[in-house]
Amino acid sequence: MKERIREIAGELIKTAAERALRPGAVAEPDTGYAAFVDRFPYERPKTRTARFPT
């Protein structure tokens, strides 16, 4: 059992080292959701605005 755990740990360390050496892609922020939400007008109820001002 201990030997298998050592094997798995070694594989995980090797995988982590390989990932650290690979360049990563930078993702652009998603603006689609904000544009989608802006298409739906919303007025806050007076009871909500009194408790949670914006």
Protein backbone atom coordinates (compact mmCIF):
# COMPACT_ATOMS: atom_id res chain seq x y z
CA MET A 1 0.00 0.00 0.00
CA LYS A 2 2.77 2.44 0.93
CA GLU A 3 4.54 1.72 -2.34
CA ARG A 4 1.41 2.54 -4.35
CA ILE A 5 0.98 5.81 -2.44
CA ARG A 6 4.58 6.72 -3.26
CA GLU A 7 3.97 5.93 -6.93
CA ILE A 8 0.88 8.12 -7.02
CA ALA A 9 2.71 10.94 -5.20
CA GLY A 10 5.55 10.72 -7.70
CA GLU A 11 3.11 10.92 -10.61
CA LEU A 12 1.41 13.94 -9.07
CA ILE A 13 4.72 15.72 -8.51
CA LYS A 14 5.78 14.98 -12.09
CA THR A 15 2.46 16.28 -13.45
CA ALA A 16 2.71 19.44 -11.35
CA ALA A 17 6.25 20.09 -12.59
CA GLU A 18 5.19 19.62 -16.22
CA ARG A 19 2.29 22.02 -15.79
CA ALA A 20 4.52 24.62 -14.14
CA LEU A 21 6.82 24.62 -17.17
CA ARG A 22 4.05 24.99 -19.76
CA PRO A 23 2.98 28.49 -20.76
CA GLY A 24 -0.66 29.20 -20.02
CA ALA A 25 -3.28 31.00 -22.04
CA VAL A 26 -4.74 34.19 -20.61
CA ALA A 27 -8.53 34.32 -20.80
CA GLU A 28 -10.24 37.59 -21.63
CA PRO A 29 -12.95 38.79 -19.24
CA ASP A 30 -16.48 37.82 -20.26
CA THR A 31 -18.60 40.90 -20.96
CA GLY A 32 -21.47 39.02 -22.58
CA TYR A 33 -23.38 38.46 -19.35
CA ALA A 34 -23.43 42.16 -18.40
CA ALA A 35 -24.68 43.06 -21.88
CA PHE A 36 -27.38 40.39 -21.59
CA VAL A 37 -28.57 41.62 -18.17
CA ASP A 38 -28.68 45.23 -19.36
CA ARG A 39 -31.39 44.27 -21.86
CA PHE A 40 -33.88 43.65 -19.01
CA PRO A 41 -34.97 46.79 -17.13
CA TYR A 42 -35.39 46.30 -13.39
CA GLU A 43 -36.72 48.66 -10.78
CA ARG A 44 -35.99 47.77 -7.21
CA PRO A 45 -39.03 47.63 -4.92
CA LYS A 46 -39.18 50.47 -2.40
CA THR A 47 -38.86 48.02 0.48
CA ARG A 48 -35.57 46.75 -0.96
CA THR A 49 -34.15 50.19 -1.70
CA ALA A 50 -34.79 51.36 1.85
CA ARG A 51 -32.87 48.42 3.31
CA PHE A 52 -30.16 48.09 0.67
CA PRO A 53 -29.39 51.45 -0.94
CA THR A 54 -27.41 51.42 -4.16
